[in-house]
Amino acid sequence: MAPADEVAALRAEVAGLRRQVRFLLAVTLAGAAVGVWALARWAAPGRAGVVPVEAQEYRLVGPDGSLRGLWNCPPAGPSMTLLDENGRIAVRIRHHQAGGELLINDQEGRAFFRQP
């Protein structure tokens, strides 16, 4: 290959690399602009990154997939129930119109302590 041909090949390769770098720079700048825009919308004043969540029941599930607890928030009053490994009620706390209730059961599921 003649030296002039080698120089021409190198120039063509450098020109191709320059085009790729310009394209990647344009894509990077566009991505950065979209990211800044998204962050500005997400952290808009008044929102402060808080997302309101409304639910009337939350469930606590054990690692084996069994139900371990319930937290209910109905309009009548909140209640929380914790279950043992057999699915029996271990602790129940309820609030209702007449006051509140606390129930603690023993290992067999019988009432150990009850406060009406």
PDB file of N, CA and C in Angstrom:
ATOM      1  N   MET A   1       0.840  -1.151   0.000  1.00  0.00           N
ATOM      2  CA  MET A   1       0.000   0.000   0.000  1.00  0.00           C
ATOM      3  C   MET A   1       0.904   1.238   0.000  1.00  0.00           C
ATOM      4  N   ALA A   2       0.564   2.190  -0.790  1.00  0.00           N
ATOM      5  CA  ALA A   2       1.357   3.415  -0.908  1.00  0.00           C
ATOM      6  C   ALA A   2       1.105   4.300   0.298  1.00  0.00           C
ATOM      7  N   PRO A   3       2.094   5.123   0.657  1.00  0.00           N
ATOM      8  CA  PRO A   3       1.914   5.994   1.808  1.00  0.00           C
ATOM      9  C   PRO A   3       0.724   6.931   1.638  1.00  0.00           C
ATOM     10  N   ALA A   4       0.425   7.381   0.466  1.00  0.00           N
ATOM     11  CA  ALA A   4      -0.720   8.266   0.254  1.00  0.00           C
ATOM     12  C   ALA A   4      -2.016   7.526   0.536  1.00  0.00           C
ATOM     13  N   ASP A   5      -2.075   6.226   0.170  1.00  0.00           N
ATOM     14  CA  ASP A   5      -3.272   5.430   0.436  1.00  0.00           C
ATOM     15  C   ASP A   5      -3.460   5.205   1.939  1.00  0.00           C
ATOM     16  N   GLU A   6      -2.346   4.986   2.653  1.00  0.00           N
ATOM     17  CA  GLU A   6      -2.424   4.792   4.102  1.00  0.00           C
ATOM     18  C   GLU A   6      -2.922   6.064   4.786  1.00  0.00           C
ATOM     19  N   VAL A   7      -2.431   7.202   4.356  1.00  0.00           N
ATOM     20  CA  VAL A   7      -2.867   8.466   4.937  1.00  0.00           C
ATOM     21  C   VAL A   7      -4.351   8.695   4.661  1.00  0.00           C
ATOM     22  N   ALA A   8      -4.789   8.384   3.462  1.00  0.00           N
ATOM     23  CA  ALA A   8      -6.201   8.557   3.115  1.00  0.00           C
ATOM     24  C   ALA A   8      -7.084   7.624   3.952  1.00  0.00           C
ATOM     25  N   ALA A   9      -6.640   6.382   4.176  1.00  0.00           N
ATOM     26  CA  ALA A   9      -7.390   5.422   4.987  1.00  0.00           C
ATOM     27  C   ALA A   9      -7.478   5.896   6.440  1.00  0.00           C
ATOM     28  N   LEU A  10      -6.331   6.420   6.943  1.00  0.00           N
ATOM     29  CA  LEU A  10      -6.340   6.928   8.317  1.00  0.00           C
ATOM     30  C   LEU A  10      -7.258   8.134   8.460  1.00  0.00           C
ATOM     31  N   ARG A  11      -7.238   9.021   7.460  1.00  0.00           N
ATOM     32  CA  ARG A  11      -8.119  10.186   7.513  1.00  0.00           C
ATOM     33  C   ARG A  11      -9.591   9.770   7.498  1.00  0.00           C
ATOM     34  N   ALA A  12      -9.919   8.781   6.687  1.00  0.00           N
ATOM     35  CA  ALA A  12     -11.306   8.301   6.628  1.00  0.00           C
ATOM     36  C   ALA A  12     -11.719   7.676   7.959  1.00  0.00           C
ATOM     37  N   GLU A  13     -10.795   6.935   8.579  1.00  0.00           N
ATOM     38  CA  GLU A  13     -11.104   6.309   9.870  1.00  0.00           C
ATOM     39  C   GLU A  13     -11.279   7.367  10.956  1.00  0.00           C
ATOM     40  N   VAL A  14     -10.409   8.377  10.980  1.00  0.00           N
ATOM     41  CA  VAL A  14     -10.524   9.453  11.963  1.00  0.00           C
ATOM     42  C   VAL A  14     -11.822  10.225  11.755  1.00  0.00           C
ATOM     43  N   ALA A  15     -12.200  10.474  10.504  1.00  0.00           N
ATOM     44  CA  ALA A  15     -13.454  11.174  10.220  1.00  0.00           C
ATOM     45  C   ALA A  15     -14.646  10.359  10.716  1.00  0.00           C
ATOM     46  N   GLY A  16     -14.610   9.041  10.536  1.00  0.00           N
ATOM     47  CA  GLY A  16     -15.681   8.176  11.044  1.00  0.00           C
ATOM     48  C   GLY A  16     -15.764   8.207  12.562  1.00  0.00           C
ATOM     49  N   LEU A  17     -14.604   8.186  13.218  1.00  0.00           N
ATOM     50  CA  LEU A  17     -14.592   8.260  14.681  1.00  0.00           C
ATOM     51  C   LEU A  17     -15.121   9.601  15.173  1.00  0.00           C
ATOM     52  N   ARG A  18     -14.793  10.690  14.469  1.00  0.00           N
ATOM     53  CA  ARG A  18     -15.312  12.002  14.846  1.00  0.00           C
ATOM     54  C   ARG A  18     -16.831  12.036  14.743  1.00  0.00           C
ATOM     55  N   ARG A  19     -17.388  11.448  13.679  1.00  0.00           N
ATOM     56  CA  ARG A  19     -18.842  11.392  13.538  1.00  0.00           C
ATOM     57  C   ARG A  19     -19.471  10.610  14.693  1.00  0.00           C
ATOM     58  N   GLN A  20     -18.860   9.499  15.066  1.00  0.00           N
ATOM     59  CA  GLN A  20     -19.390   8.697  16.170  1.00  0.00           C
ATOM     60  C   GLN A  20     -19.347   9.467  17.488  1.00  0.00           C
ATOM     61  N   VAL A  21     -18.225  10.183  17.726  1.00  0.00           N
ATOM     62  CA  VAL A  21     -18.101  10.955  18.955  1.00  0.00           C
ATOM     63  C   VAL A  21     -19.128  12.072  18.992  1.00  0.00           C
ATOM     64  N   ARG A  22     -19.345  12.744  17.873  1.00  0.00           N
ATOM     65  CA  ARG A  22     -20.354  13.804  17.834  1.00  0.00           C
ATOM     66  C   ARG A  22     -21.747  13.246  18.091  1.00  0.00           C
ATOM     67  N   PHE A  23     -22.049  12.113  17.489  1.00  0.00           N
ATOM     68  CA  PHE A  23     -23.359  11.488  17.700  1.00  0.00           C
ATOM     69  C   PHE A  23     -23.533  11.103  19.172  1.00  0.00           C
ATOM     70  N   LEU A  24     -22.518  10.460  19.772  1.00  0.00           N
ATOM     71  CA  LEU A  24     -22.614  10.062  21.179  1.00  0.00           C
ATOM     72  C   LEU A  24     -22.706  11.275  22.104  1.00  0.00           C
ATOM     73  N   LEU A  25     -22.011  12.356  21.760  1.00  0.00           N
ATOM     74  CA  LEU A  25     -22.104  13.571  22.553  1.00  0.00           C
ATOM     75  C   LEU A  25     -23.516  14.149  22.493  1.00  0.00           C
ATOM     76  N   ALA A  26     -24.111  14.154  21.308  1.00  0.00           N
ATOM     77  CA  ALA A  26     -25.475  14.662  21.161  1.00  0.00           C
ATOM     78  C   ALA A  26     -26.461  13.802  21.949  1.00  0.00           C
ATOM     79  N   VAL A  27     -26.321  12.483  21.892  1.00  0.00           N
ATOM     80  CA  VAL A  27     -27.205  11.582  22.639  1.00  0.00           C
ATOM     81  C   VAL A  27     -27.014  11.782  24.139  1.00  0.00           C
ATOM     82  N   THR A  28     -25.780  11.943  24.594  1.00  0.00           N
ATOM     83  CA  THR A  28     -25.502  12.153  26.017  1.00  0.00           C
ATOM     84  C   THR A  28     -26.101  13.460  26.506  1.00  0.00           C
ATOM     85  N   LEU A  29     -25.941  14.520  25.744  1.00  0.00           N
ATOM     86  CA  LEU A  29     -26.511  15.812  26.137  1.00  0.00           C
ATOM     87  C   LEU A  29     -28.034  15.762  26.166  1.00  0.00           C
ATOM     88  N   ALA A  30     -28.636  15.075  25.199  1.00  0.00           N
ATOM     89  CA  ALA A  30     -30.095  14.944  25.190  1.00  0.00           C
ATOM     90  C   ALA A  30     -30.569  14.132  26.399  1.00  0.00           C
ATOM     91  N   GLY A  31     -29.861  13.068  26.726  1.00  0.00           N
ATOM     92  CA  GLY A  31     -30.213  12.268  27.904  1.00  0.00           C
ATOM     93  C   GLY A  31     -30.062  13.050  29.192  1.00  0.00           C
ATOM     94  N   ALA A  32     -29.000  13.845  29.288  1.00  0.00           N
ATOM     95  CA  ALA A  32     -28.809  14.676  30.480  1.00  0.00           C
ATOM     96  C   ALA A  32     -29.922  15.720  30.604  1.00  0.00           C
ATOM     97  N   ALA A  33     -30.323  16.298  29.475  1.00  0.00           N
ATOM     98  CA  ALA A  33     -31.401  17.294  29.502  1.00  0.00           C
ATOM     99  C   ALA A  33     -32.711  16.652  29.950  1.00  0.00           C
ATOM    100  N   VAL A  34     -33.009  15.458  29.462  1.00  0.00           N
ATOM    101  CA  VAL A  34     -34.231  14.749  29.871  1.00  0.00           C
ATOM    102  C   VAL A  34     -34.155  14.393  31.356  1.00  0.00           C
ATOM    103  N   GLY A  35     -32.984  13.979  31.826  1.00  0.00           N
ATOM    104  CA  GLY A  35     -32.823  13.661  33.244  1.00  0.00           C
ATOM    105  C   GLY A  35     -33.028  14.868  34.133  1.00  0.00           C
ATOM    106  N   VAL A  36     -32.474  16.005  33.762  1.00  0.00           N
ATOM    107  CA  VAL A  36     -32.657  17.229  34.542  1.00  0.00           C
ATOM    108  C   VAL A  36     -34.123  17.634  34.540  1.00  0.00           C
ATOM    109  N   TRP A  37     -34.765  17.527  33.392  1.00  0.00           N
ATOM    110  CA  TRP A  37     -36.190  17.852  33.305  1.00  0.00           C
ATOM    111  C   TRP A  37     -37.018  16.946  34.219  1.00  0.00           C
ATOM    112  N   ALA A  38     -36.713  15.636  34.203  1.00  0.00           N
ATOM    113  CA  ALA A  38     -37.462  14.685  35.037  1.00  0.00           C
ATOM    114  C   ALA A  38     -37.234  14.960  36.518  1.00  0.00           C
ATOM    115  N   LEU A  39     -36.007  15.253  36.913  1.00  0.00           N
ATOM    116  CA  LEU A  39     -35.745  15.572  38.314  1.00  0.00           C
ATOM    117  C   LEU A  39     -36.437  16.857  38.737  1.00  0.00           C
ATOM    118  N   ALA A  40     -36.479  17.838  37.842  1.00  0.00           N
ATOM    119  CA  ALA A  40     -37.150  19.091  38.173  1.00  0.00           C
ATOM    120  C   ALA A  40     -38.647  18.872  38.353  1.00  0.00           C
ATOM    121  N   ARG A  41     -39.238  18.002  37.548  1.00  0.00           N
ATOM    122  CA  ARG A  41     -40.673  17.716  37.697  1.00  0.00           C
ATOM    123  C   ARG A  41     -40.935  16.898  38.950  1.00  0.00           C
ATOM    124  N   TRP A  42     -40.044  15.972  39.276  1.00  0.00           N
ATOM    125  CA  TRP A  42     -40.248  15.093  40.428  1.00  0.00           C
ATOM    126  C   TRP A  42     -40.126  15.873  41.732  1.00  0.00           C
ATOM    127  N   ALA A  43     -39.174  16.778  41.812  1.00  0.00           N
ATOM    128  CA  ALA A  43     -38.944  17.543  43.039  1.00  0.00           C
ATOM    129  C   ALA A  43     -39.553  18.930  42.937  1.00  0.00           C
ATOM    130  N   ALA A  44     -40.722  19.021  42.340  1.00  0.00           N
ATOM    131  CA  ALA A  44     -41.393  20.321  42.210  1.00  0.00           C
ATOM    132  C   ALA A  44     -41.782  20.839  43.587  1.00  0.00           C
ATOM    133  N   PRO A  45     -41.784  22.158  43.781  1.00  0.00           N
ATOM    134  CA  PRO A  45     -42.157  22.708  45.084  1.00  0.00           C
ATOM    135  C   PRO A  45     -43.573  22.289  45.467  1.00  0.00           C
ATOM    136  N   GLY A  46     -43.739  21.980  46.729  1.00  0.00           N
ATOM    137  CA  GLY A  46     -45.043  21.569  47.226  1.00  0.00           C
ATOM    138  C   GLY A  46     -45.213  20.063  47.285  1.00  0.00           C
ATOM    139  N   ARG A  47     -44.420  19.333  46.509  1.00  0.00           N
ATOM    140  CA  ARG A  47     -44.540  17.873  46.536  1.00  0.00           C
ATOM    141  C   ARG A  47     -43.532  17.269  47.494  1.00  0.00           C
ATOM    142  N   ALA A  48     -42.322  17.767  47.474  1.00  0.00           N
ATOM    143  CA  ALA A  48     -41.243  17.345  48.374  1.00  0.00           C
ATOM    144  C   ALA A  48     -41.039  15.833  48.370  1.00  0.00           C
ATOM    145  N   GLY A  49     -41.311  15.163  47.268  1.00  0.00           N
ATOM    146  CA  GLY A  49     -41.047  13.740  47.160  1.00  0.00           C
ATOM    147  C   GLY A  49     -42.002  12.866  47.953  1.00  0.00           C
ATOM    148  N   VAL A  50     -43.107  13.391  48.439  1.00  0.00           N
ATOM    149  CA  VAL A  50     -44.070  12.622  49.220  1.00  0.00           C
ATOM    150  C   VAL A  50     -45.196  12.171  48.310  1.00  0.00           C
ATOM    151  N   VAL A  51     -45.468  10.893  48.343  1.00  0.00           N
ATOM    152  CA  VAL A  51     -46.548  10.330  47.549  1.00  0.00           C
ATOM    153  C   VAL A  51     -47.622   9.856  48.515  1.00  0.00           C
ATOM    154  N   PRO A  52     -48.819  10.418  48.457  1.00  0.00           N
ATOM    155  CA  PRO A  52     -49.864   9.977  49.391  1.00  0.00           C
ATOM    156  C   PRO A  52     -50.341   8.567  49.057  1.00  0.00           C
ATOM    157  N   VAL A  53     -50.497   7.764  50.095  1.00  0.00           N
ATOM    158  CA  VAL A  53     -50.979   6.394  49.938  1.00  0.00           C
ATOM    159  C   VAL A  53     -52.205   6.235  50.819  1.00  0.00           C
ATOM    160  N   GLU A  54     -53.269   5.778  50.220  1.00  0.00           N
ATOM    161  CA  GLU A  54     -54.492   5.545  50.979  1.00  0.00           C
ATOM    162  C   GLU A  54     -54.869   4.081  50.856  1.00  0.00           C
ATOM    163  N   ALA A  55     -55.062   3.451  51.998  1.00  0.00           N
ATOM    164  CA  ALA A  55     -55.486   2.059  52.009  1.00  0.00           C
ATOM    165  C   ALA A  55     -56.269   1.826  53.287  1.00  0.00           C
ATOM    166  N   GLN A  56     -57.135   0.848  53.272  1.00  0.00           N
ATOM    167  CA  GLN A  56     -57.886   0.521  54.469  1.00  0.00           C
ATOM    168  C   GLN A  56     -57.349  -0.729  55.140  1.00  0.00           C
ATOM    169  N   GLU A  57     -56.405  -1.424  54.487  1.00  0.00           N
ATOM    170  CA  GLU A  57     -55.861  -2.627  55.103  1.00  0.00           C
ATOM    171  C   GLU A  57     -54.433  -2.837  54.647  1.00  0.00           C
ATOM    172  N   TYR A  58     -53.568  -3.098  55.591  1.00  0.00           N
ATOM    173  CA  TYR A  58     -52.172  -3.459  55.317  1.00  0.00           C
ATOM    174  C   TYR A  58     -51.958  -4.860  55.839  1.00  0.00           C
ATOM    175  N   ARG A  59     -51.234  -5.658  55.086  1.00  0.00           N
ATOM    176  CA  ARG A  59     -50.996  -7.044  55.483  1.00  0.00           C
ATOM    177  C   ARG A  59     -49.506  -7.266  55.691  1.00  0.00           C
ATOM    178  N   LEU A  60     -49.159  -7.912  56.779  1.00  0.00           N
ATOM    179  CA  LEU A  60     -47.794  -8.289  57.080  1.00  0.00           C
ATOM    180  C   LEU A  60     -47.648  -9.763  56.730  1.00  0.00           C
ATOM    181  N   VAL A  61     -46.787 -10.055  55.764  1.00  0.00           N
ATOM    182  CA  VAL A  61     -46.631 -11.414  55.269  1.00  0.00           C
ATOM    183  C   VAL A  61     -45.250 -11.911  55.668  1.00  0.00           C
ATOM    184  N   GLY A  62     -45.187 -13.143  56.189  1.00  0.00           N
ATOM    185  CA  GLY A  62     -43.929 -13.740  56.601  1.00  0.00           C
ATOM    186  C   GLY A  62     -43.109 -14.198  55.411  1.00  0.00           C
ATOM    187  N   PRO A  63     -41.851 -14.600  55.651  1.00  0.00           N
ATOM    188  CA  PRO A  63     -40.984 -15.041  54.551  1.00  0.00           C
ATOM    189  C   PRO A  63     -41.501 -16.282  53.830  1.00  0.00           C
ATOM    190  N   ASP A  64     -42.326 -17.061  54.508  1.00  0.00           N
ATOM    191  CA  ASP A  64     -42.888 -18.253  53.876  1.00  0.00           C
ATOM    192  C   ASP A  64     -44.197 -17.963  53.150  1.00  0.00           C
ATOM    193  N   GLY A  65     -44.631 -16.702  53.159  1.00  0.00           N
ATOM    194  CA  GLY A  65     -45.845 -16.315  52.446  1.00  0.00           C
ATOM    195  C   GLY A  65     -47.103 -16.360  53.297  1.00  0.00           C
ATOM    196  N   SER A  66     -46.961 -16.743  54.551  1.00  0.00           N
ATOM    197  CA  SER A  66     -48.147 -16.817  55.416  1.00  0.00           C
ATOM    198  C   SER A  66     -48.440 -15.443  56.010  1.00  0.00           C
ATOM    199  N   LEU A  67     -49.705 -15.219  56.301  1.00  0.00           N
ATOM    200  CA  LEU A  67     -50.152 -13.963  56.886  1.00  0.00           C
ATOM    201  C   LEU A  67     -49.700 -13.897  58.340  1.00  0.00           C
ATOM    202  N   ARG A  68     -48.992 -12.822  58.717  1.00  0.00           N
ATOM    203  CA  ARG A  68     -48.497 -12.664  60.080  1.00  0.00           C
ATOM    204  C   ARG A  68     -49.168 -11.525  60.821  1.00  0.00           C
ATOM    205  N   GLY A  69     -49.817 -10.621  60.109  1.00  0.00           N
ATOM    206  CA  GLY A  69     -50.473  -9.523  60.786  1.00  0.00           C
ATOM    207  C   GLY A  69     -51.365  -8.733  59.852  1.00  0.00           C
ATOM    208  N   LEU A  70     -52.324  -8.030  60.433  1.00  0.00           N
ATOM    209  CA  LEU A  70     -53.237  -7.167  59.693  1.00  0.00           C
ATOM    210  C   LEU A  70     -53.335  -5.834  60.415  1.00  0.00           C
ATOM    211  N   TRP A  71     -53.366  -4.792  59.647  1.00  0.00           N
ATOM    212  CA  TRP A  71     -53.607  -3.457  60.198  1.00  0.00           C
ATOM    213  C   TRP A  71     -54.748  -2.875  59.396  1.00  0.00           C
ATOM    214  N   ASN A  72     -55.894  -2.720  60.016  1.00  0.00           N
ATOM    215  CA  ASN A  72     -57.086  -2.207  59.357  1.00  0.00           C
ATOM    216  C   ASN A  72     -57.316  -0.765  59.781  1.00  0.00           C
ATOM    217  N   CYS A  73     -57.723   0.039  58.831  1.00  0.00           N
ATOM    218  CA  CYS A  73     -58.020   1.453  59.104  1.00  0.00           C
ATOM    219  C   CYS A  73     -59.390   1.814  58.557  1.00  0.00           C
ATOM    220  N   PRO A  74     -60.436   1.147  58.991  1.00  0.00           N
ATOM    221  CA  PRO A  74     -61.757   1.495  58.481  1.00  0.00           C
ATOM    222  C   PRO A  74     -62.241   2.790  59.134  1.00  0.00           C
ATOM    223  N   PRO A  75     -63.283   3.362  58.607  1.00  0.00           N
ATOM    224  CA  PRO A  75     -63.820   4.595  59.209  1.00  0.00           C
ATOM    225  C   PRO A  75     -64.279   4.405  60.657  1.00  0.00           C
ATOM    226  N   ALA A  76     -64.672   3.191  61.037  1.00  0.00           N
ATOM    227  CA  ALA A  76     -65.154   2.965  62.400  1.00  0.00           C
ATOM    228  C   ALA A  76     -64.030   3.021  63.421  1.00  0.00           C
ATOM    229  N   GLY A  77     -62.793   2.772  63.036  1.00  0.00           N
ATOM    230  CA  GLY A  77     -61.662   2.808  63.963  1.00  0.00           C
ATOM    231  C   GLY A  77     -60.597   1.816  63.560  1.00  0.00           C
ATOM    232  N   PRO A  78     -59.347   2.096  63.906  1.00  0.00           N
ATOM    233  CA  PRO A  78     -58.253   1.219  63.508  1.00  0.00           C
ATOM    234  C   PRO A  78     -58.175  -0.034  64.372  1.00  0.00           C
ATOM    235  N   SER A  79     -57.556  -1.067  63.815  1.00  0.00           N
ATOM    236  CA  SER A  79     -57.284  -2.280  64.570  1.00  0.00           C
ATOM    237  C   SER A  79     -56.012  -2.916  64.027  1.00  0.00           C
ATOM    238  N   MET A  80     -55.297  -3.623  64.907  1.00  0.00           N
ATOM    239  CA  MET A  80     -54.092  -4.331  64.510  1.00  0.00           C
ATOM    240  C   MET A  80     -54.159  -5.731  65.085  1.00  0.00           C
ATOM    241  N   THR A  81     -53.876  -6.715  64.247  1.00  0.00           N
ATOM    242  CA  THR A  81     -53.897  -8.102  64.662  1.00  0.00           C
ATOM    243  C   THR A  81     -52.579  -8.741  64.266  1.00  0.00           C
ATOM    244  N   LEU A  82     -51.915  -9.395  65.225  1.00  0.00           N
ATOM    245  CA  LEU A  82     -50.697 -10.143  64.959  1.00  0.00           C
ATOM    246  C   LEU A  82     -51.001 -11.626  65.124  1.00  0.00           C
ATOM    247  N   LEU A  83     -50.530 -12.432  64.180  1.00  0.00           N
ATOM    248  CA  LEU A  83     -50.817 -13.861  64.186  1.00  0.00           C
ATOM    249  C   LEU A  83     -49.547 -14.653  64.499  1.00  0.00           C
ATOM    250  N   ASP A  84     -49.722 -15.845  65.100  1.00  0.00           N
ATOM    251  CA  ASP A  84     -48.566 -16.708  65.350  1.00  0.00           C
ATOM    252  C   ASP A  84     -48.271 -17.549  64.108  1.00  0.00           C
ATOM    253  N   GLU A  85     -47.312 -18.455  64.221  1.00  0.00           N
ATOM    254  CA  GLU A  85     -46.907 -19.252  63.055  1.00  0.00           C
ATOM    255  C   GLU A  85     -47.988 -20.212  62.579  1.00  0.00           C
ATOM    256  N   ASN A  86     -48.981 -20.505  63.431  1.00  0.00           N
ATOM    257  CA  ASN A  86     -50.083 -21.385  63.046  1.00  0.00           C
ATOM    258  C   ASN A  86     -51.287 -20.624  62.511  1.00  0.00           C
ATOM    259  N   GLY A  87     -51.199 -19.299  62.451  1.00  0.00           N
ATOM    260  CA  GLY A  87     -52.298 -18.494  61.931  1.00  0.00           C
ATOM    261  C   GLY A  87     -53.320 -18.096  62.981  1.00  0.00           C
ATOM    262  N   ARG A  88     -53.034 -18.379  64.252  1.00  0.00           N
ATOM    263  CA  ARG A  88     -53.955 -17.991  65.322  1.00  0.00           C
ATOM    264  C   ARG A  88     -53.622 -16.592  65.807  1.00  0.00           C
ATOM    265  N   ILE A  89     -54.622 -15.908  66.343  1.00  0.00           N
ATOM    266  CA  ILE A  89     -54.432 -14.553  66.838  1.00  0.00           C
ATOM    267  C   ILE A  89     -53.546 -14.592  68.081  1.00  0.00           C
ATOM    268  N   ALA A  90     -52.442 -13.829  68.040  1.00  0.00           N
ATOM    269  CA  ALA A  90     -51.564 -13.706  69.198  1.00  0.00           C
ATOM    270  C   ALA A  90     -51.877 -12.418  69.952  1.00  0.00           C
ATOM    271  N   VAL A  91     -52.013 -11.316  69.214  1.00  0.00           N
ATOM    272  CA  VAL A  91     -52.314 -10.018  69.820  1.00  0.00           C
ATOM    273  C   VAL A  91     -53.321  -9.300  68.931  1.00  0.00           C
ATOM    274  N   ARG A  92     -54.335  -8.694  69.572  1.00  0.00           N
ATOM    275  CA  ARG A  92     -55.292  -7.871  68.832  1.00  0.00           C
ATOM    276  C   ARG A  92     -55.517  -6.582  69.595  1.00  0.00           C
ATOM    277  N   ILE A  93     -55.375  -5.484  68.883  1.00  0.00           N
ATOM    278  CA  ILE A  93     -55.647  -4.157  69.450  1.00  0.00           C
ATOM    279  C   ILE A  93     -56.694  -3.522  68.554  1.00  0.00           C
ATOM    280  N   ARG A  94     -57.815  -3.101  69.170  1.00  0.00           N
ATOM    281  CA  ARG A  94     -58.896  -2.489  68.393  1.00  0.00           C
ATOM    282  C   ARG A  94     -59.371  -1.220  69.061  1.00  0.00           C
ATOM    283  N   HIS A  95     -59.805  -0.294  68.240  1.00  0.00           N
ATOM    284  CA  HIS A  95     -60.439   0.926  68.733  1.00  0.00           C
ATOM    285  C   HIS A  95     -61.840   0.965  68.145  1.00  0.00           C
ATOM    286  N   HIS A  96     -62.825   1.202  68.988  1.00  0.00           N
ATOM    287  CA  HIS A  96     -64.206   1.284  68.508  1.00  0.00           C
ATOM    288  C   HIS A  96     -64.931   2.378  69.261  1.00  0.00           C
ATOM    289  N   GLN A  97     -66.218   2.506  69.016  1.00  0.00           N
ATOM    290  CA  GLN A  97     -67.012   3.603  69.583  1.00  0.00           C
ATOM    291  C   GLN A  97     -66.998   3.603  71.110  1.00  0.00           C
ATOM    292  N   ALA A  98     -67.015   2.438  71.710  1.00  0.00           N
ATOM    293  CA  ALA A  98     -67.086   2.338  73.171  1.00  0.00           C
ATOM    294  C   ALA A  98     -65.721   2.480  73.835  1.00  0.00           C
ATOM    295  N   GLY A  99     -64.663   2.586  73.099  1.00  0.00           N
ATOM    296  CA  GLY A  99     -63.319   2.699  73.684  1.00  0.00           C
ATOM    297  C   GLY A  99     -62.331   1.875  72.895  1.00  0.00           C
ATOM    298  N   GLY A 100     -61.620   1.015  73.595  1.00  0.00           N
ATOM    299  CA  GLY A 100     -60.627   0.186  72.945  1.00  0.00           C
ATOM    300  C   GLY A 100     -60.602  -1.207  73.528  1.00  0.00           C
ATOM    301  N   GLU A 101     -59.855  -2.095  72.887  1.00  0.00           N
ATOM    302  CA  GLU A 101     -59.772  -3.477  73.332  1.00  0.00           C
ATOM    303  C   GLU A 101     -58.364  -3.985  73.085  1.00  0.00           C
ATOM    304  N   LEU A 102     -57.829  -4.709  74.057  1.00  0.00           N
ATOM    305  CA  LEU A 102     -56.536  -5.359  73.932  1.00  0.00           C
ATOM    306  C   LEU A 102     -56.720  -6.821  74.265  1.00  0.00           C
ATOM    307  N   LEU A 103     -56.301  -7.707  73.385  1.00  0.00           N
ATOM    308  CA  LEU A 103     -56.419  -9.141  73.598  1.00  0.00           C
ATOM    309  C   LEU A 103     -55.061  -9.771  73.330  1.00  0.00           C
ATOM    310  N   ILE A 104     -54.570 -10.542  74.302  1.00  0.00           N
ATOM    311  CA  ILE A 104     -53.325 -11.296  74.140  1.00  0.00           C
ATOM    312  C   ILE A 104     -53.646 -12.753  74.395  1.00  0.00           C
ATOM    313  N   ASN A 105     -53.320 -13.621  73.449  1.00  0.00           N
ATOM    314  CA  ASN A 105     -53.589 -15.055  73.569  1.00  0.00           C
ATOM    315  C   ASN A 105     -52.312 -15.807  73.892  1.00  0.00           C
ATOM    316  N   ASP A 106     -52.458 -16.981  74.516  1.00  0.00           N
ATOM    317  CA  ASP A 106     -51.297 -17.820  74.786  1.00  0.00           C
ATOM    318  C   ASP A 106     -50.985 -18.700  73.576  1.00  0.00           C
ATOM    319  N   GLN A 107     -50.073 -19.668  73.743  1.00  0.00           N
ATOM    320  CA  GLN A 107     -49.636 -20.492  72.620  1.00  0.00           C
ATOM    321  C   GLN A 107     -50.730 -21.395  72.079  1.00  0.00           C
ATOM    322  N   GLU A 108     -51.718 -21.735  72.897  1.00  0.00           N
ATOM    323  CA  GLU A 108     -52.814 -22.588  72.445  1.00  0.00           C
ATOM    324  C   GLU A 108     -53.957 -21.788  71.832  1.00  0.00           C
ATOM    325  N   GLY A 109     -53.878 -20.458  71.859  1.00  0.00           N
ATOM    326  CA  GLY A 109     -54.930 -19.638  71.285  1.00  0.00           C
ATOM    327  C   GLY A 109     -55.992 -19.199  72.271  1.00  0.00           C
ATOM    328  N   ARG A 110     -55.782 -19.497  73.581  1.00  0.00           N
ATOM    329  CA  ARG A 110     -56.738 -19.083  74.596  1.00  0.00           C
ATOM    330  C   ARG A 110     -56.389 -17.688  75.078  1.00  0.00           C
ATOM    331  N   ALA A 111     -57.404 -16.939  75.519  1.00  0.00           N
ATOM    332  CA  ALA A 111     -57.209 -15.569  75.985  1.00  0.00           C
ATOM    333  C   ALA A 111     -56.342 -15.562  77.243  1.00  0.00           C
ATOM    334  N   PHE A 112     -55.202 -14.926  77.166  1.00  0.00           N
ATOM    335  CA  PHE A 112     -54.273 -14.796  78.280  1.00  0.00           C
ATOM    336  C   PHE A 112     -54.505 -13.475  79.032  1.00  0.00           C
ATOM    337  N   PHE A 113     -54.751 -12.417  78.284  1.00  0.00           N
ATOM    338  CA  PHE A 113     -55.038 -11.110  78.854  1.00  0.00           C
ATOM    339  C   PHE A 113     -56.045 -10.412  77.963  1.00  0.00           C
ATOM    340  N   ARG A 114     -57.093  -9.863  78.586  1.00  0.00           N
ATOM    341  CA  ARG A 114     -58.108  -9.130  77.822  1.00  0.00           C
ATOM    342  C   ARG A 114     -58.464  -7.868  78.599  1.00  0.00           C
ATOM    343  N   GLN A 115     -58.378  -6.761  77.914  1.00  0.00           N
ATOM    344  CA  GLN A 115     -58.766  -5.483  78.498  1.00  0.00           C
ATOM    345  C   GLN A 115     -59.833  -4.880  77.601  1.00  0.00           C
ATOM    346  N   PRO A 116     -61.076  -4.820  78.086  1.00  0.00           N
ATOM    347  CA  PRO A 116     -62.151  -4.307  77.206  1.00  0.00           C
ATOM    348  C   PRO A 116     -62.086  -2.833  76.991  1.00  0.00           C
TER     349      PRO A 116
END
